[in-house]
């Protein structure tokens, strides 16, 4: 299923668990590529997610351009497209009633943006009538929330963030995945994502574009 939207930022918040719809920083990044994942401000990643410099290639993961994702039995993948560019802006992995939305963004070389993104998310969730709290998680602080969904009813959601070398990866767990341990396959899939930042100068917070693989593009056409 292909859905379209115009723009995304790390602090946008989703509110539709059934449709899994993705809803409502500035100097150029001219730093050279980083090779040390333990630089101050970055998330320790001994078990992933990975930078593309840390793996030999996309196989056996699905190459979506800005991210590579490993599939598994029972996994379904949906994408949302940016109308202005035609690029994939959000990838959603679903398994039963569990869902994981994935986006990757440019970031400074050694200064993480997850604290600022969390503050934006907290403001967005509370202003929309939702509830949210910070809690310890596998990658440090994560957000556990209840956000307005279809019909205004509150639904569980869990936001995780990973600050890598010149990139930030955000995951949004919905449905049964909103409870830690509720969807271990999706948690493994997030942990095994590879981010392909590229060498182009990008502003912190700019979305790293993804794309459909050639066979999916042919099917869509």
N, C-alpha and C. Protein backbone atom coordinates (compact mmCIF):
# COMPACT_ATOMS: atom_id res chain seq x y z
N UNK A 1 0.86 -1.18 0.00
CA UNK A 1 0.00 0.00 0.00
C UNK A 1 0.89 1.22 0.00
N UNK A 2 0.61 2.17 -0.87
CA UNK A 2 1.42 3.37 -0.99
C UNK A 2 0.59 4.58 -0.60
N UNK A 3 1.10 5.37 0.34
CA UNK A 3 0.42 6.59 0.77
C UNK A 3 1.33 7.76 0.50
N UNK A 4 0.76 8.94 0.34
CA UNK A 4 1.55 10.12 0.01
C UNK A 4 1.36 11.19 1.08
N UNK A 5 2.45 11.94 1.34
CA UNK A 5 2.38 13.09 2.23
C UNK A 5 3.44 14.08 1.77
N UNK A 6 3.42 15.29 2.31
CA UNK A 6 4.32 16.33 1.81
C UNK A 6 5.64 16.39 2.54
N UNK A 7 5.66 16.41 3.86
CA UNK A 7 6.93 16.61 4.52
C UNK A 7 6.97 15.96 5.88
N UNK A 8 8.16 15.75 6.40
CA UNK A 8 8.35 15.13 7.70
C UNK A 8 9.53 15.78 8.39
N UNK A 9 9.48 15.79 9.73
CA UNK A 9 10.61 16.23 10.52
C UNK A 9 10.74 15.28 11.69
N UNK A 10 11.90 15.25 12.37
CA UNK A 10 12.07 14.29 13.46
C UNK A 10 11.04 14.46 14.57
N UNK A 11 10.49 15.67 14.73
CA UNK A 11 9.55 15.91 15.81
C UNK A 11 8.09 15.78 15.42
N UNK A 12 7.81 15.33 14.20
CA UNK A 12 6.42 15.07 13.83
C UNK A 12 5.92 13.85 14.59
N UNK A 13 4.60 13.81 14.84
CA UNK A 13 4.04 12.71 15.61
C UNK A 13 2.88 12.10 14.86
N UNK A 14 2.80 10.77 14.92
CA UNK A 14 1.73 10.04 14.23
C UNK A 14 0.56 9.85 15.16
N UNK A 15 -0.63 9.66 14.57
CA UNK A 15 -1.79 9.41 15.40
C UNK A 15 -2.78 8.46 14.79
N UNK A 16 -2.36 7.52 13.96
CA UNK A 16 -3.29 6.61 13.31
C UNK A 16 -2.71 5.21 13.30
N UNK A 17 -3.12 4.39 14.27
CA UNK A 17 -2.54 3.06 14.38
C UNK A 17 -3.04 2.13 13.29
N UNK A 18 -4.30 2.26 12.88
CA UNK A 18 -4.83 1.34 11.89
C UNK A 18 -4.25 1.61 10.52
N UNK A 19 -4.26 2.88 10.09
CA UNK A 19 -3.68 3.23 8.80
C UNK A 19 -2.19 3.40 8.88
N UNK A 20 -1.68 3.49 10.09
CA UNK A 20 -0.26 3.72 10.34
C UNK A 20 0.20 4.91 9.53
N UNK A 21 -0.45 6.06 9.74
CA UNK A 21 -0.18 7.28 8.98
C UNK A 21 0.74 8.18 9.79
N UNK A 22 1.74 8.75 9.17
CA UNK A 22 2.72 9.61 9.84
C UNK A 22 2.28 11.07 9.75
N UNK A 23 1.86 11.67 10.89
CA UNK A 23 1.34 13.01 10.83
C UNK A 23 2.21 14.08 11.51
N UNK A 24 1.54 15.36 11.86
CA UNK A 24 2.17 16.49 12.46
C UNK A 24 3.07 16.31 13.51
N UNK A 25 17.45 21.23 12.26
CA UNK A 25 17.47 21.97 13.16
C UNK A 25 18.22 22.86 12.17
N UNK A 26 19.72 24.62 11.91
CA UNK A 26 19.43 24.94 10.55
C UNK A 26 20.72 25.10 9.76
N UNK A 27 21.88 25.05 10.33
CA UNK A 27 23.12 25.23 9.58
C UNK A 27 23.44 24.00 8.76
N UNK A 28 24.13 24.23 7.62
CA UNK A 28 24.48 23.09 6.78
C UNK A 28 25.46 22.19 7.49
N UNK A 29 25.35 20.88 7.22
CA UNK A 29 26.23 19.89 7.83
C UNK A 29 27.40 19.66 6.88
N UNK A 30 28.53 20.28 7.19
CA UNK A 30 29.69 20.16 6.32
C UNK A 30 30.79 19.33 6.95
N UNK A 31 30.48 18.63 8.05
CA UNK A 31 31.50 17.83 8.72
C UNK A 31 31.85 16.61 7.89
N UNK A 32 33.10 16.14 7.96
CA UNK A 32 33.47 14.93 7.24
C UNK A 32 32.83 13.71 7.88
N UNK A 33 32.77 12.59 7.16
CA UNK A 33 32.15 11.39 7.71
C UNK A 33 32.85 10.96 9.00
N UNK A 34 32.05 10.43 9.93
CA UNK A 34 32.62 9.95 11.19
C UNK A 34 32.81 8.45 11.12
N UNK A 35 33.86 7.96 11.76
CA UNK A 35 34.08 6.53 11.80
C UNK A 35 34.06 6.00 13.22
N UNK A 36 33.95 6.86 14.20
CA UNK A 36 33.99 6.44 15.59
C UNK A 36 32.61 6.58 16.20
N UNK A 37 31.91 5.43 16.40
CA UNK A 37 30.54 5.47 16.91
C UNK A 37 30.49 5.88 18.37
N UNK A 38 31.64 5.94 19.07
CA UNK A 38 31.64 6.25 20.49
C UNK A 38 31.93 7.73 20.76
N UNK A 39 31.83 8.57 19.73
CA UNK A 39 32.05 10.00 19.95
C UNK A 39 31.00 10.52 20.93
N UNK A 40 31.36 11.56 21.72
CA UNK A 40 30.41 12.11 22.68
C UNK A 40 29.11 12.54 21.99
N UNK A 41 27.99 12.26 22.65
CA UNK A 41 26.70 12.68 22.12
C UNK A 41 26.03 11.65 21.25
N UNK A 42 26.74 10.58 20.87
CA UNK A 42 26.14 9.56 20.03
C UNK A 42 25.67 8.38 20.87
N UNK A 43 24.70 7.63 20.34
CA UNK A 43 24.14 6.49 21.04
C UNK A 43 25.06 5.28 20.91
N UNK A 44 25.42 4.62 22.01
CA UNK A 44 26.16 3.36 21.88
C UNK A 44 25.34 2.36 21.08
N UNK A 45 25.99 1.70 20.10
CA UNK A 45 25.26 0.79 19.21
C UNK A 45 25.99 -0.54 19.05
N UNK A 46 26.30 -1.23 20.14
CA UNK A 46 27.05 -2.49 19.99
C UNK A 46 26.29 -3.55 19.21
N UNK A 47 24.97 -3.46 19.19
CA UNK A 47 24.15 -4.45 18.47
C UNK A 47 23.31 -3.82 17.37
N UNK A 48 23.69 -2.63 16.89
CA UNK A 48 22.93 -1.92 15.88
C UNK A 48 21.99 -0.92 16.53
N UNK A 49 21.31 -0.14 15.67
CA UNK A 49 21.38 -0.04 14.20
C UNK A 49 22.79 0.33 13.73
N UNK A 50 23.01 0.12 12.41
CA UNK A 50 24.34 0.23 11.87
C UNK A 50 24.48 1.39 10.89
N UNK A 51 25.69 1.89 10.77
CA UNK A 51 26.05 2.78 9.69
C UNK A 51 26.51 1.92 8.51
N UNK A 52 26.31 2.40 7.28
CA UNK A 52 26.66 1.57 6.14
C UNK A 52 28.17 1.29 6.07
N UNK A 53 28.98 2.10 6.76
CA UNK A 53 30.42 1.85 6.79
C UNK A 53 30.76 0.64 7.64
N UNK A 54 29.78 0.15 8.41
CA UNK A 54 30.03 -0.94 9.35
C UNK A 54 29.60 -2.30 8.81
N UNK A 55 29.02 -2.33 7.61
CA UNK A 55 28.60 -3.58 7.00
C UNK A 55 29.18 -3.65 5.58
N UNK A 56 29.15 -4.83 4.99
CA UNK A 56 29.79 -5.01 3.68
C UNK A 56 28.88 -4.65 2.52
N UNK A 57 27.58 -4.58 2.74
CA UNK A 57 26.65 -4.25 1.66
C UNK A 57 25.23 -4.52 2.11
N UNK A 58 24.25 -4.20 1.27
CA UNK A 58 22.86 -4.36 1.68
C UNK A 58 22.42 -5.80 1.90
N UNK A 59 22.93 -6.73 1.10
CA UNK A 59 22.47 -8.12 1.23
C UNK A 59 22.79 -8.66 2.62
N UNK A 60 21.83 -9.38 3.26
CA UNK A 60 20.54 -9.82 2.73
C UNK A 60 19.39 -8.86 3.05
N UNK A 61 19.70 -7.62 3.35
CA UNK A 61 18.66 -6.65 3.67
C UNK A 61 18.05 -6.06 2.39
N UNK A 62 16.82 -5.52 2.52
CA UNK A 62 16.15 -4.84 1.42
C UNK A 62 16.73 -3.44 1.29
N UNK A 63 17.21 -3.10 0.09
CA UNK A 63 17.84 -1.81 -0.16
C UNK A 63 16.76 -0.77 -0.48
N UNK A 64 16.54 0.15 0.47
CA UNK A 64 15.58 1.23 0.28
C UNK A 64 16.28 2.58 0.16
N UNK A 65 17.52 2.55 -0.28
CA UNK A 65 18.25 3.80 -0.45
C UNK A 65 18.84 4.28 0.85
N UNK A 66 18.12 5.13 1.58
CA UNK A 66 18.61 5.71 2.82
C UNK A 66 18.69 4.73 3.97
N UNK A 67 17.95 3.63 3.87
CA UNK A 67 18.03 2.58 4.89
C UNK A 67 18.01 1.22 4.21
N UNK A 68 18.64 0.25 4.86
CA UNK A 68 18.55 -1.15 4.45
C UNK A 68 17.87 -1.90 5.58
N UNK A 69 16.85 -2.69 5.25
CA UNK A 69 16.04 -3.36 6.26
C UNK A 69 16.00 -4.86 5.98
N UNK A 70 16.23 -5.65 7.01
CA UNK A 70 16.18 -7.10 6.88
C UNK A 70 14.74 -7.59 7.04
N UNK A 71 14.28 -8.42 6.13
CA UNK A 71 12.93 -8.96 6.20
C UNK A 71 12.88 -10.23 7.04
N UNK A 72 11.67 -10.66 7.35
CA UNK A 72 11.46 -11.93 8.05
C UNK A 72 10.06 -12.41 7.72
N UNK A 73 9.79 -13.69 7.98
CA UNK A 73 8.49 -14.27 7.68
C UNK A 73 7.39 -13.52 8.44
N UNK A 74 6.32 -13.17 7.73
CA UNK A 74 5.20 -12.47 8.34
C UNK A 74 5.32 -10.97 8.33
N UNK A 75 6.44 -10.46 7.81
CA UNK A 75 6.63 -9.01 7.76
C UNK A 75 5.96 -8.43 6.52
N UNK A 76 5.24 -7.34 6.71
CA UNK A 76 4.67 -6.59 5.59
C UNK A 76 5.25 -5.18 5.63
N UNK A 77 5.53 -4.63 4.47
CA UNK A 77 6.17 -3.32 4.38
C UNK A 77 5.27 -2.37 3.61
N UNK A 78 5.05 -1.18 4.17
CA UNK A 78 4.29 -0.13 3.53
C UNK A 78 5.18 1.11 3.44
N UNK A 79 4.89 1.97 2.47
CA UNK A 79 5.66 3.20 2.35
C UNK A 79 4.72 4.39 2.17
N UNK A 80 5.22 5.56 2.55
CA UNK A 80 4.55 6.82 2.26
C UNK A 80 5.49 7.64 1.41
N UNK A 81 4.93 8.33 0.41
CA UNK A 81 5.74 9.05 -0.56
C UNK A 81 5.64 10.56 -0.34
N UNK A 82 6.73 11.26 -0.57
CA UNK A 82 6.75 12.71 -0.55
C UNK A 82 6.26 13.21 -1.91
N UNK A 83 5.14 13.94 -1.92
CA UNK A 83 4.55 14.38 -3.18
C UNK A 83 5.47 15.28 -3.99
N UNK A 84 6.30 16.07 -3.30
CA UNK A 84 7.13 17.04 -4.02
C UNK A 84 8.34 16.40 -4.69
N UNK A 85 8.83 15.28 -4.13
CA UNK A 85 10.04 14.67 -4.67
C UNK A 85 9.83 13.26 -5.22
N UNK A 86 8.74 12.62 -4.82
CA UNK A 86 8.52 11.23 -5.22
C UNK A 86 9.34 10.25 -4.42
N UNK A 87 10.10 10.73 -3.43
CA UNK A 87 10.92 9.85 -2.60
C UNK A 87 10.07 9.24 -1.49
N UNK A 88 10.50 8.12 -0.98
CA UNK A 88 9.84 7.50 0.18
C UNK A 88 10.23 8.28 1.42
N UNK A 89 9.25 8.73 2.20
CA UNK A 89 9.54 9.51 3.41
C UNK A 89 9.38 8.69 4.68
N UNK A 90 8.52 7.68 4.67
CA UNK A 90 8.28 6.84 5.84
C UNK A 90 8.17 5.39 5.39
N UNK A 91 8.83 4.51 6.09
CA UNK A 91 8.68 3.07 5.89
C UNK A 91 8.00 2.50 7.12
N UNK A 92 6.95 1.72 6.93
CA UNK A 92 6.23 1.10 8.03
C UNK A 92 6.32 -0.42 7.89
N UNK A 93 6.80 -1.07 8.94
CA UNK A 93 6.85 -2.52 9.01
C UNK A 93 5.69 -2.99 9.88
N UNK A 94 4.93 -3.96 9.41
CA UNK A 94 3.80 -4.46 10.18
C UNK A 94 3.90 -5.97 10.32
N UNK A 95 3.44 -6.45 11.45
CA UNK A 95 3.34 -7.88 11.73
C UNK A 95 2.12 -8.06 12.62
N UNK A 96 1.06 -8.61 12.06
CA UNK A 96 -0.18 -8.73 12.83
C UNK A 96 -0.69 -7.36 13.22
N UNK A 97 -0.96 -7.18 14.52
CA UNK A 97 -1.47 -5.88 14.98
C UNK A 97 -0.35 -4.95 15.43
N UNK A 98 0.89 -5.32 15.17
CA UNK A 98 2.03 -4.51 15.58
C UNK A 98 2.60 -3.77 14.37
N UNK A 99 3.09 -2.56 14.60
CA UNK A 99 3.66 -1.76 13.51
C UNK A 99 4.86 -0.99 14.01
N UNK A 100 5.78 -0.74 13.09
CA UNK A 100 6.97 0.06 13.36
C UNK A 100 7.18 1.01 12.20
N UNK A 101 7.14 2.31 12.48
CA UNK A 101 7.45 3.33 11.48
C UNK A 101 8.90 3.76 11.62
N UNK A 102 9.60 3.88 10.51
CA UNK A 102 11.03 4.18 10.51
C UNK A 102 11.30 5.39 9.63
N UNK A 103 12.10 6.32 10.14
CA UNK A 103 12.60 7.45 9.38
C UNK A 103 14.04 7.73 9.79
N UNK A 104 14.84 8.20 8.86
CA UNK A 104 16.23 8.57 9.14
C UNK A 104 16.44 10.03 8.74
N UNK A 105 17.23 10.75 9.54
CA UNK A 105 17.47 12.17 9.33
C UNK A 105 18.96 12.47 9.42
N UNK A 106 19.37 13.52 8.75
CA UNK A 106 20.75 13.99 8.89
C UNK A 106 20.95 14.61 10.27
N UNK A 107 22.18 14.54 10.76
CA UNK A 107 22.50 15.09 12.07
C UNK A 107 23.96 15.54 12.07
N UNK A 108 24.35 16.38 13.04
CA UNK A 108 25.77 16.75 13.15
C UNK A 108 26.63 15.52 13.41
N UNK A 109 27.91 15.68 13.16
CA UNK A 109 28.82 14.54 13.28
C UNK A 109 28.84 13.94 14.68
N UNK A 110 28.91 14.77 15.71
CA UNK A 110 29.13 14.25 17.06
C UNK A 110 28.15 14.77 18.09
N UNK A 111 27.12 15.49 17.68
CA UNK A 111 26.14 16.02 18.62
C UNK A 111 24.78 15.43 18.29
N UNK A 112 24.24 14.61 19.19
CA UNK A 112 22.96 13.98 18.94
C UNK A 112 21.81 14.97 18.97
N UNK A 113 20.76 14.68 18.22
CA UNK A 113 19.58 15.55 18.20
C UNK A 113 18.38 14.93 18.92
N UNK A 114 18.51 13.69 19.42
CA UNK A 114 17.38 13.03 20.07
C UNK A 114 16.83 13.82 21.26
N UNK A 115 17.64 14.45 22.12
CA UNK A 115 17.04 15.25 23.19
C UNK A 115 16.13 16.36 22.67
N UNK A 116 16.55 17.06 21.62
CA UNK A 116 15.70 18.12 21.05
C UNK A 116 14.45 17.52 20.40
N UNK A 117 14.61 16.38 19.72
CA UNK A 117 13.47 15.74 19.09
C UNK A 117 12.46 15.30 20.15
N UNK A 118 12.96 14.73 21.24
CA UNK A 118 12.05 14.32 22.32
C UNK A 118 11.23 15.50 22.83
N UNK A 119 11.90 16.64 23.02
CA UNK A 119 11.19 17.82 23.51
C UNK A 119 10.09 18.24 22.54
N UNK A 120 10.39 18.18 21.23
CA UNK A 120 9.38 18.52 20.22
C UNK A 120 8.21 17.54 20.27
N UNK A 121 8.52 16.25 20.40
CA UNK A 121 7.47 15.24 20.44
C UNK A 121 6.60 15.39 21.68
N UNK A 122 7.23 15.64 22.81
CA UNK A 122 6.46 15.83 24.05
C UNK A 122 5.51 17.00 23.91
N UNK A 123 6.00 18.11 23.35
CA UNK A 123 5.13 19.27 23.14
C UNK A 123 3.99 18.97 22.19
N UNK A 124 4.29 18.27 21.10
CA UNK A 124 3.26 17.95 20.11
C UNK A 124 2.21 17.02 20.69
N UNK A 125 2.64 16.00 21.43
CA UNK A 125 1.70 15.03 21.98
C UNK A 125 0.80 15.66 23.03
N UNK A 126 1.39 16.43 23.95
CA UNK A 126 0.58 17.04 25.01
C UNK A 126 -0.37 18.09 24.45
N UNK A 127 0.07 18.85 23.46
CA UNK A 127 -0.81 19.87 22.89
C UNK A 127 -1.98 19.27 22.13
N UNK A 128 -1.83 18.03 21.68
CA UNK A 128 -2.92 17.37 20.95
C UNK A 128 -3.83 16.57 21.87
N UNK A 129 -3.58 16.64 23.18
CA UNK A 129 -4.43 15.95 24.14
C UNK A 129 -3.93 14.57 24.53
N UNK A 130 -2.70 14.23 24.13
CA UNK A 130 -2.16 12.92 24.47
C UNK A 130 -1.40 12.95 25.78
N UNK A 131 -0.90 11.80 26.16
CA UNK A 131 -0.13 11.63 27.38
C UNK A 131 1.23 11.05 27.01
N UNK A 132 2.29 11.47 27.69
CA UNK A 132 3.62 10.99 27.33
C UNK A 132 4.53 11.07 28.54
N UNK A 133 5.46 10.10 28.64
CA UNK A 133 6.48 10.13 29.69
C UNK A 133 7.77 9.56 29.13
N UNK A 134 8.89 10.02 29.69
CA UNK A 134 10.18 9.47 29.34
C UNK A 134 10.43 8.23 30.18
N UNK A 135 11.09 7.23 29.57
CA UNK A 135 11.39 5.99 30.27
C UNK A 135 12.69 5.42 29.74
N UNK A 136 13.42 4.66 30.55
CA UNK A 136 14.66 4.04 30.06
C UNK A 136 14.35 2.92 29.07
N UNK A 137 15.15 2.82 28.02
CA UNK A 137 14.97 1.78 27.01
C UNK A 137 16.31 1.26 26.54
N UNK A 138 16.27 0.40 25.54
CA UNK A 138 17.50 -0.22 25.04
C UNK A 138 18.51 0.80 24.54
N UNK A 139 18.03 1.90 23.95
CA UNK A 139 18.92 2.89 23.36
C UNK A 139 19.02 4.16 24.21
N UNK A 140 18.67 4.03 25.49
CA UNK A 140 18.67 5.19 26.36
C UNK A 140 17.23 5.63 26.63
N UNK A 141 17.02 6.93 26.70
CA UNK A 141 15.69 7.45 26.99
C UNK A 141 14.78 7.26 25.78
N UNK A 142 13.58 6.74 26.00
CA UNK A 142 12.56 6.65 24.96
C UNK A 142 11.29 7.28 25.50
N UNK A 143 10.32 7.47 24.62
CA UNK A 143 9.04 8.06 25.01
C UNK A 143 7.95 7.01 24.93
N UNK A 144 7.17 6.91 25.97
CA UNK A 144 6.01 6.02 25.99
C UNK A 144 4.78 6.91 26.13
N UNK A 145 3.88 6.77 25.18
CA UNK A 145 2.81 7.75 25.05
C UNK A 145 1.48 7.09 24.77
N UNK A 146 0.45 7.90 24.91
CA UNK A 146 -0.88 7.56 24.40
C UNK A 146 -1.29 8.76 23.55
N UNK A 147 -1.50 8.53 22.27
CA UNK A 147 -1.75 9.62 21.33
C UNK A 147 -3.13 9.48 20.73
N UNK A 148 -3.78 10.60 20.37
CA UNK A 148 -5.10 10.53 19.76
C UNK A 148 -5.05 9.79 18.43
N UNK A 149 -5.93 8.82 18.25
CA UNK A 149 -6.02 8.07 17.00
C UNK A 149 -7.33 8.35 16.31
N UNK A 150 -7.80 7.39 15.53
CA UNK A 150 -9.06 7.57 14.81
C UNK A 150 -10.19 7.74 15.81
N UNK A 151 -11.03 8.74 15.58
CA UNK A 151 -12.15 9.02 16.47
C UNK A 151 -11.73 9.73 17.75
N UNK A 152 -10.46 10.07 17.88
CA UNK A 152 -10.00 10.80 19.05
C UNK A 152 -9.61 9.92 20.23
N UNK A 153 -9.83 8.60 20.13
CA UNK A 153 -9.47 7.71 21.23
C UNK A 153 -7.95 7.63 21.36
N UNK A 154 -7.48 7.57 22.60
CA UNK A 154 -6.05 7.49 22.83
C UNK A 154 -5.54 6.07 22.57
N UNK A 155 -4.41 5.96 21.91
CA UNK A 155 -3.81 4.67 21.60
C UNK A 155 -2.36 4.68 22.03
N UNK A 156 -1.81 3.53 22.39
CA UNK A 156 -0.42 3.50 22.84
C UNK A 156 0.56 3.71 21.70
N UNK A 157 1.67 4.34 22.01
CA UNK A 157 2.74 4.56 21.04
C UNK A 157 4.05 4.65 21.81
N UNK A 158 5.12 4.21 21.16
CA UNK A 158 6.44 4.27 21.79
C UNK A 158 7.46 4.78 20.78
N UNK A 159 8.17 5.84 21.16
CA UNK A 159 9.16 6.47 20.28
C UNK A 159 10.56 6.13 20.77
N UNK A 160 11.42 5.66 19.87
CA UNK A 160 12.82 5.43 20.20
C UNK A 160 13.68 6.23 19.22
N UNK A 161 14.86 6.64 19.67
CA UNK A 161 15.75 7.41 18.82
C UNK A 161 17.18 6.96 18.98
N UNK A 162 17.91 6.91 17.87
CA UNK A 162 19.32 6.52 17.87
C UNK A 162 20.12 7.59 17.15
N UNK A 163 21.09 8.18 17.85
CA UNK A 163 21.98 9.17 17.25
C UNK A 163 23.23 8.46 16.76
N UNK A 164 23.36 8.34 15.43
CA UNK A 164 24.53 7.72 14.83
C UNK A 164 25.46 8.76 14.26
N UNK A 165 26.53 8.34 13.56
CA UNK A 165 27.48 9.29 12.97
C UNK A 165 26.86 10.04 11.80
N UNK A 166 26.48 11.30 12.04
CA UNK A 166 25.89 12.19 11.04
C UNK A 166 24.47 11.78 10.65
N UNK A 167 23.83 10.92 11.45
CA UNK A 167 22.44 10.58 11.18
C UNK A 167 21.69 10.32 12.49
N UNK A 168 20.37 10.43 12.39
CA UNK A 168 19.48 10.14 13.50
C UNK A 168 18.39 9.22 12.98
N UNK A 169 18.18 8.10 13.65
CA UNK A 169 17.16 7.12 13.26
C UNK A 169 16.04 7.13 14.29
N UNK A 170 14.82 7.34 13.81
CA UNK A 170 13.66 7.36 14.71
C UNK A 170 12.75 6.19 14.42
N UNK A 171 12.33 5.51 15.47
CA UNK A 171 11.36 4.43 15.35
C UNK A 171 10.12 4.75 16.15
N UNK A 172 8.96 4.47 15.58
CA UNK A 172 7.69 4.65 16.27
C UNK A 172 6.97 3.32 16.29
N UNK A 173 6.81 2.75 17.48
CA UNK A 173 6.12 1.47 17.64
C UNK A 173 4.65 1.71 17.96
N UNK A 174 3.78 0.98 17.28
CA UNK A 174 2.34 1.12 17.46
C UNK A 174 1.71 -0.26 17.68
N UNK A 175 0.46 -0.25 18.16
CA UNK A 175 -0.22 -1.52 18.42
C UNK A 175 0.46 -2.27 19.55
N UNK A 176 0.54 -3.58 19.43
CA UNK A 176 1.17 -4.38 20.48
C UNK A 176 2.65 -4.07 20.62
N UNK A 177 3.28 -3.51 19.57
CA UNK A 177 4.70 -3.15 19.63
C UNK A 177 4.95 -1.96 20.54
N UNK A 178 3.90 -1.22 20.91
CA UNK A 178 4.07 -0.06 21.79
C UNK A 178 4.47 -0.47 23.20
N UNK A 179 4.23 -1.74 23.54
CA UNK A 179 4.69 -2.27 24.82
C UNK A 179 6.05 -2.91 24.63
N UNK A 180 7.07 -2.51 25.38
CA UNK A 180 8.39 -3.12 25.20
C UNK A 180 8.31 -4.64 25.28
N UNK A 181 8.87 -5.32 24.30
CA UNK A 181 8.82 -6.77 24.24
C UNK A 181 7.57 -7.31 23.60
N UNK A 182 6.64 -6.43 23.21
CA UNK A 182 5.37 -6.88 22.64
C UNK A 182 5.48 -7.38 21.22
N UNK A 183 6.53 -6.98 20.50
CA UNK A 183 6.73 -7.42 19.12
C UNK A 183 8.24 -7.60 18.90
N UNK A 184 8.81 -8.68 19.42
CA UNK A 184 10.27 -8.84 19.37
C UNK A 184 10.84 -8.87 17.96
N UNK A 185 10.08 -9.39 16.99
CA UNK A 185 10.58 -9.41 15.61
C UNK A 185 10.78 -8.00 15.08
N UNK A 186 9.85 -7.09 15.38
CA UNK A 186 9.98 -5.71 14.93
C UNK A 186 11.12 -5.00 15.66
N UNK A 187 11.30 -5.33 16.94
CA UNK A 187 12.42 -4.74 17.67
C UNK A 187 13.75 -5.22 17.08
N UNK A 188 13.81 -6.50 16.70
CA UNK A 188 15.02 -7.01 16.05
C UNK A 188 15.24 -6.32 14.70
N UNK A 189 14.14 -6.10 13.97
CA UNK A 189 14.26 -5.45 12.65
C UNK A 189 14.80 -4.04 12.79
N UNK A 190 14.34 -3.29 13.79
CA UNK A 190 14.84 -1.93 14.00
C UNK A 190 16.32 -1.97 14.37
N UNK A 191 16.67 -2.90 15.24
CA UNK A 191 18.05 -3.01 15.70
C UNK A 191 19.00 -3.33 14.56
N UNK A 192 18.51 -4.01 13.53
CA UNK A 192 19.37 -4.46 12.43
C UNK A 192 19.32 -3.53 11.22
N UNK A 193 18.65 -2.38 11.33
CA UNK A 193 18.61 -1.43 10.21
C UNK A 193 20.00 -0.86 9.96
N UNK A 194 20.31 -0.65 8.69
CA UNK A 194 21.53 0.05 8.28
C UNK A 194 21.13 1.40 7.70
N UNK A 195 21.74 2.48 8.18
CA UNK A 195 21.46 3.83 7.68
C UNK A 195 22.54 4.21 6.68
N UNK A 196 22.10 4.70 5.52
CA UNK A 196 23.01 5.13 4.46
C UNK A 196 22.91 6.66 4.37
N UNK A 197 23.80 7.36 5.08
CA UNK A 197 23.73 8.83 5.17
C UNK A 197 24.19 9.50 3.89
N UNK A 198 25.19 8.93 3.21
CA UNK A 198 25.74 9.59 2.03
C UNK A 198 26.70 10.70 2.42
N UNK A 199 27.35 11.29 1.43
CA UNK A 199 28.38 12.29 1.67
C UNK A 199 27.91 13.73 1.41
N UNK A 200 26.70 13.92 0.90
CA UNK A 200 26.22 15.26 0.59
C UNK A 200 26.00 16.08 1.86
N UNK A 201 26.24 17.38 1.76
CA UNK A 201 25.94 18.28 2.88
C UNK A 201 24.43 18.35 3.08
N UNK A 202 23.99 18.17 4.32
CA UNK A 202 22.57 18.23 4.66
C UNK A 202 22.41 18.97 5.97
N UNK A 203 21.32 19.70 6.11
CA UNK A 203 21.03 20.39 7.36
C UNK A 203 20.60 19.38 8.41
N UNK A 204 21.01 19.55 9.66
CA UNK A 204 20.53 18.67 10.72
C UNK A 204 19.01 18.65 10.76
N UNK A 205 18.44 17.46 10.83
CA UNK A 205 17.00 17.30 10.83
C UNK A 205 16.41 17.08 9.45
N UNK A 206 17.23 17.20 8.39
CA UNK A 206 16.73 16.96 7.03
C UNK A 206 16.53 15.47 6.81
N UNK A 207 15.39 15.12 6.22
CA UNK A 207 15.06 13.72 6.00
C UNK A 207 16.03 13.08 5.02
N UNK A 208 16.55 11.92 5.37
CA UNK A 208 17.37 11.14 4.45
C UNK A 208 16.41 10.37 3.55
N UNK A 209 16.44 10.68 2.26
CA UNK A 209 15.45 10.12 1.34
C UNK A 209 15.63 8.62 1.17
N UNK A 210 14.51 7.94 1.06
CA UNK A 210 14.51 6.53 0.75
C UNK A 210 13.86 6.33 -0.62
N UNK A 211 13.93 5.13 -1.14
CA UNK A 211 13.36 4.86 -2.45
C UNK A 211 12.84 3.43 -2.49
N UNK A 212 11.94 3.18 -3.43
CA UNK A 212 11.45 1.83 -3.63
C UNK A 212 12.48 1.01 -4.39
N UNK A 213 12.62 -0.27 -4.06
CA UNK A 213 13.50 -1.11 -4.87
C UNK A 213 12.93 -1.27 -6.27
N UNK A 214 13.75 -1.58 -7.27
CA UNK A 214 13.29 -1.64 -8.67
C UNK A 214 12.08 -2.55 -8.89
N UNK A 215 12.03 -3.70 -8.24
CA UNK A 215 10.90 -4.60 -8.46
C UNK A 215 9.61 -4.02 -7.93
N UNK A 216 9.68 -3.30 -6.80
CA UNK A 216 8.48 -2.65 -6.25
C UNK A 216 8.04 -1.51 -7.12
N UNK A 217 9.00 -0.76 -7.70
CA UNK A 217 8.64 0.33 -8.60
C UNK A 217 7.92 -0.20 -9.83
N UNK A 218 8.37 -1.33 -10.34
CA UNK A 218 7.72 -1.91 -11.51
C UNK A 218 6.31 -2.36 -11.18
N UNK A 219 6.14 -2.94 -9.96
CA UNK A 219 4.81 -3.39 -9.56
C UNK A 219 3.86 -2.20 -9.40
N UNK A 220 4.39 -1.11 -8.79
CA UNK A 220 3.57 0.09 -8.55
C UNK A 220 3.13 0.70 -9.89
N UNK A 221 4.00 0.70 -10.89
CA UNK A 221 3.68 1.28 -12.18
C UNK A 221 2.59 0.49 -12.86
